[in-house]
Amino acid sequence: MRSIVYTFWIIAILHVFGQYTSHEQLIIYTKPILVPLLAAFYYHQDSSEIFFVALFFSWLGDVFLIGDGELFFLAGIFSFWGAQLIYLYLIYKEIKLPFKRILFSKEGFFAFALFGSYFAITMKLLGTKLTILTLPVSGYALTLSSIGALSMLLWLKNKNTKTAALLFGVSLFIVSDSMIAFNEFYFKKNIFGFLVMATYIPAQFLICNYFREIHLNSKYD
């Protein structure tokens, strides 16, 4: 297992270096390997099949976003949206509370207010720049905000290193995706560069590691 982790981080460093130096071949060859390595890291006797589906959608998103053009970007958005919806479902199941209790609890109000503010500010800034992509981008941003809120609520409910790492991973994912959105729609050029992948890669690893640990040696239903 350690060999898989070491290989993942070696490939990750090479990929980020490729992004930093604009080495196109290094980017193309390393990016599609990252999520399959995460899948190999996650795999164990009690693996959750639905988590593999989330990883598959993430892999599709990675591959589509290698390409240029609006169609590739849209395909990437919808692929990652599929992964995020599964993450949302899995984290919600971890909280083990009815939705009404989540929404109207003090912790729930704080978490949803915080990440709801992120959603409102992001959509305000992007606004009319999204044009025909307003609906999919706003839906994706709303899903991300909900994952962030539920991750924070899970941490507030069970304060330990595992839930803290998950919250940090989800927060990094939000930062990474926000940079992509602002590159694409607000600045209309690649302002954030290698930072997109430098936040995305540890985000995916932390999320994967959380679910690996909680699913390991326990049947998931």
Protein backbone atom coordinates (compact mmCIF):
# COMPACT_ATOMS: atom_id res chain seq x y z
CA MET A 1 0.00 0.00 0.00
CA ARG A 2 2.84 2.40 0.78
CA SER A 3 4.25 1.85 -2.70
CA ILE A 4 0.94 3.02 -4.20
CA VAL A 5 0.94 6.13 -2.02
CA TYR A 6 4.56 6.92 -2.88
CA THR A 7 3.87 6.40 -6.58
CA PHE A 8 0.80 8.64 -6.37
CA TRP A 9 2.73 11.51 -4.82
CA ILE A 10 5.66 11.13 -7.22
CA ILE A 11 3.26 11.34 -10.18
CA ALA A 12 1.44 14.22 -8.46
CA ILE A 13 4.67 16.19 -8.00
CA LEU A 14 5.67 15.54 -11.60
CA HIS A 15 2.26 16.71 -12.78
CA VAL A 16 2.32 19.92 -10.75
CA PHE A 17 5.87 20.52 -11.99
CA GLY A 18 4.58 20.04 -15.53
CA GLN A 19 1.84 22.60 -14.85
CA TYR A 20 4.34 25.04 -13.36
CA THR A 21 6.75 24.74 -16.30
CA SER A 22 3.98 24.42 -18.95
CA HIS A 23 5.39 21.06 -20.04
CA GLU A 24 2.43 19.79 -22.07
CA GLN A 25 3.64 16.21 -22.55
CA LEU A 26 4.32 15.77 -18.83
CA ILE A 27 0.84 17.10 -18.03
CA ILE A 28 -0.89 14.84 -20.55
CA TYR A 29 0.91 11.67 -19.46
CA THR A 30 0.64 12.16 -15.69
CA LYS A 31 -2.88 13.54 -15.20
CA PRO A 32 -4.85 10.41 -16.26
CA ILE A 33 -2.80 8.24 -13.87
CA LEU A 34 -3.66 10.12 -10.67
CA VAL A 35 -7.22 8.92 -10.02
CA PRO A 36 -6.55 5.27 -10.97
CA LEU A 37 -3.76 5.30 -8.37
CA LEU A 38 -6.26 6.67 -5.83
CA ALA A 39 -8.64 3.85 -6.74
CA ALA A 40 -5.87 1.31 -6.15
CA PHE A 41 -5.09 3.00 -2.82
CA TYR A 42 -8.76 2.94 -1.78
CA TYR A 43 -9.41 -0.68 -2.80
CA HIS A 44 -9.84 -3.19 0.04
CA GLN A 45 -12.12 -6.02 1.10
CA ASP A 46 -14.98 -3.75 2.17
CA SER A 47 -14.71 -1.16 -0.60
CA SER A 48 -17.84 0.81 -1.44
CA GLU A 49 -18.75 0.41 -5.11
CA ILE A 50 -20.37 3.83 -5.21
CA PHE A 51 -17.10 5.46 -4.17
CA PHE A 52 -15.42 3.86 -7.18
CA VAL A 53 -18.15 5.46 -9.33
CA ALA A 54 -17.22 8.86 -7.84
CA LEU A 55 -13.57 8.21 -8.68
CA PHE A 56 -14.53 7.18 -12.21
CA PHE A 57 -16.41 10.46 -12.70
CA SER A 58 -13.39 12.33 -11.33
CA TRP A 59 -11.13 10.50 -13.76
CA LEU A 60 -13.43 11.44 -16.65
CA GLY A 61 -13.33 15.05 -15.48
CA ASP A 62 -9.54 15.02 -15.41
CA VAL A 63 -9.35 13.58 -18.92
CA PHE A 64 -11.94 15.96 -20.39
CA LEU A 65 -10.24 19.01 -18.88
CA ILE A 66 -7.00 18.11 -20.64
CA GLY A 67 -8.73 19.12 -23.87
CA ASP A 68 -9.40 22.67 -25.01
CA GLY A 69 -12.73 24.22 -25.88
CA GLU A 70 -16.20 24.68 -24.43
CA LEU A 71 -17.36 21.10 -25.06
CA PHE A 72 -14.44 19.63 -23.14
CA PHE A 73 -15.02 22.12 -20.33
CA LEU A 74 -18.72 21.25 -20.13
CA ALA A 75 -17.97 17.53 -20.17
CA GLY A 76 -15.48 18.11 -17.35
CA ILE A 77 -18.02 20.05 -15.31
CA PHE A 78 -20.70 17.38 -15.64
CA SER A 79 -18.23 14.60 -14.86
CA PHE A 80 -17.02 16.27 -11.68
CA TRP A 81 -20.60 17.17 -10.82
CA GLY A 82 -21.38 13.45 -10.83
CA ALA A 83 -18.47 12.81 -8.47
CA GLN A 84 -19.52 15.66 -6.18
CA LEU A 85 -23.10 14.42 -5.93
CA ILE A 86 -21.79 11.04 -4.76
CA TYR A 87 -19.46 12.72 -2.25
CA LEU A 88 -22.45 14.71 -1.02
CA TYR A 89 -24.48 11.54 -0.52
CA LEU A 90 -21.66 9.70 1.25
CA ILE A 91 -20.89 12.57 3.63
CA TYR A 92 -24.60 13.02 4.39
CA LYS A 93 -24.77 9.35 5.35
CA GLU A 94 -21.82 9.84 7.69
CA ILE A 95 -23.68 12.50 9.70
CA LYS A 96 -26.49 10.03 10.48
CA LEU A 97 -29.08 12.69 11.26
CA PRO A 98 -32.40 13.53 9.53
CA PHE A 99 -32.07 16.44 7.12
CA LYS A 100 -34.40 18.66 9.19
CA ARG A 101 -32.23 18.21 12.29
CA ILE A 102 -29.14 19.00 10.22
CA LEU A 103 -30.66 22.14 8.73
CA PHE A 104 -32.13 23.57 11.92
CA SER A 105 -29.35 22.72 14.36
CA LYS A 106 -27.01 25.49 15.55
CA GLU A 107 -24.04 23.77 13.91
CA GLY A 108 -25.99 23.20 10.71
CA PHE A 109 -27.07 26.83 10.52
CA PHE A 110 -23.46 28.00 10.95
CA ALA A 111 -22.10 25.58 8.36
CA PHE A 112 -24.74 26.34 5.73
CA ALA A 113 -24.49 30.09 6.38
CA LEU A 114 -20.71 29.99 5.88
CA PHE A 115 -20.71 27.95 2.67
CA GLY A 116 -23.92 29.58 1.50
CA SER A 117 -22.02 32.88 1.65
CA TYR A 118 -19.32 31.35 -0.54
CA PHE A 119 -22.00 30.35 -3.07
CA ALA A 120 -23.65 33.79 -3.03
CA ILE A 121 -20.37 35.70 -3.40
CA THR A 122 -19.11 33.41 -6.18
CA MET A 123 -22.30 33.69 -8.20
CA LYS A 124 -22.39 37.45 -7.64
CA LEU A 125 -18.86 37.86 -8.99
CA LEU A 126 -19.33 35.54 -11.96
CA GLY A 127 -22.88 36.76 -12.63
CA THR A 128 -23.61 37.55 -16.25
CA LYS A 129 -20.18 36.29 -17.35
CA LEU A 130 -21.56 32.74 -17.29
CA THR A 131 -24.16 33.43 -20.04
CA ILE A 132 -25.68 30.08 -21.16
CA LEU A 133 -23.61 28.17 -18.59
CA THR A 134 -25.31 29.89 -15.65
CA LEU A 135 -27.48 26.89 -14.78
CA PRO A 136 -24.82 24.13 -14.79
CA VAL A 137 -22.18 26.28 -13.09
CA SER A 138 -24.57 27.50 -10.39
CA GLY A 139 -25.80 23.94 -9.82
CA TYR A 140 -22.24 22.72 -9.50
CA ALA A 141 -21.35 25.56 -7.12
CA LEU A 142 -24.43 24.81 -5.02
CA THR A 143 -23.39 21.15 -4.79
CA LEU A 144 -19.87 22.16 -3.74
CA SER A 145 -21.26 24.52 -1.11
CA SER A 146 -23.49 21.76 0.26
CA ILE A 147 -20.56 19.34 0.48
CA GLY A 148 -18.56 21.98 2.31
CA ALA A 149 -21.39 22.63 4.77
CA LEU A 150 -21.96 18.92 5.46
CA SER A 151 -18.22 18.32 5.89
CA MET A 152 -18.05 21.13 8.43
CA LEU A 153 -21.14 19.81 10.20
CA LEU A 154 -19.58 16.34 10.34
CA TRP A 155 -16.45 17.83 11.88
CA LEU A 156 -18.47 19.86 14.39
CA LYS A 157 -20.38 16.70 15.31
CA ASN A 158 -17.27 14.47 15.54
CA LYS A 159 -14.16 16.54 16.13
CA ASN A 160 -11.24 14.28 15.28
CA THR A 161 -8.34 14.20 12.85
CA LYS A 162 -10.27 12.17 10.27
CA THR A 163 -13.19 14.60 9.96
CA ALA A 164 -10.79 17.58 10.11
CA ALA A 165 -8.79 16.11 7.22
CA LEU A 166 -11.99 15.53 5.23
CA LEU A 167 -13.11 19.13 5.81
CA PHE A 168 -9.68 20.38 4.73
CA GLY A 169 -9.79 18.17 1.62
CA VAL A 170 -13.26 19.38 0.65
CA SER A 171 -12.19 22.99 1.25
CA LEU A 172 -9.18 22.49 -1.04
CA PHE A 173 -11.50 21.02 -3.68
CA ILE A 174 -13.71 24.12 -3.45
CA VAL A 175 -10.67 26.38 -3.77
CA SER A 176 -9.41 24.43 -6.79
CA ASP A 177 -12.74 24.44 -8.60
CA SER A 178 -13.25 28.12 -7.80
CA MET A 179 -9.91 28.93 -9.41
CA ILE A 180 -10.97 27.01 -12.53
CA ALA A 181 -14.23 28.95 -12.68
CA PHE A 182 -12.55 32.33 -12.25
CA ASN A 183 -9.88 31.45 -14.81
CA GLU A 184 -12.54 30.45 -17.32
CA PHE A 185 -15.22 33.10 -16.79
CA TYR A 186 -13.91 36.06 -14.77
CA PHE A 187 -10.33 36.57 -15.93
CA LYS A 188 -10.70 34.58 -19.19
CA LYS A 189 -7.08 33.46 -18.90
CA ASN A 190 -5.09 31.09 -16.74
CA ILE A 191 -4.32 33.34 -13.76
CA PHE A 192 -3.92 30.62 -11.12
CA GLY A 193 -1.83 28.23 -13.21
CA PHE A 194 -0.37 25.26 -11.35
CA LEU A 195 -2.25 26.17 -8.13
CA VAL A 196 -5.40 24.54 -9.51
CA MET A 197 -3.81 21.10 -9.53
CA ALA A 198 -1.67 21.82 -6.46
CA THR A 199 -4.91 22.11 -4.46
CA TYR A 200 -6.98 19.55 -6.37
CA ILE A 201 -4.56 16.64 -5.91
CA PRO A 202 -4.28 16.77 -2.09
CA ALA A 203 -8.04 17.41 -1.95
CA GLN A 204 -8.80 14.16 -3.76
CA PHE A 205 -6.25 12.26 -1.68
CA LEU A 206 -7.67 13.50 1.63
CA ILE A 207 -11.25 12.69 0.60
CA CYS A 208 -10.21 9.24 -0.64
CA ASN A 209 -8.18 8.55 2.50
CA TYR A 210 -11.13 9.46 4.74
CA PHE A 211 -13.49 7.03 3.05
CA ARG A 212 -10.83 4.35 2.86
CA GLU A 213 -10.35 4.52 6.61
CA ILE A 214 -14.05 4.49 7.52
CA HIS A 215 -14.89 1.71 5.05
CA LEU A 216 -11.90 -0.42 5.95
CA ASN A 217 -12.95 -3.55 7.86
CA SER A 218 -16.56 -2.43 8.06
CA LYS A 219 -19.44 -3.32 5.76
CA TYR A 220 -20.92 -0.21 4.18
CA ASP A 221 -24.66 0.02 3.70
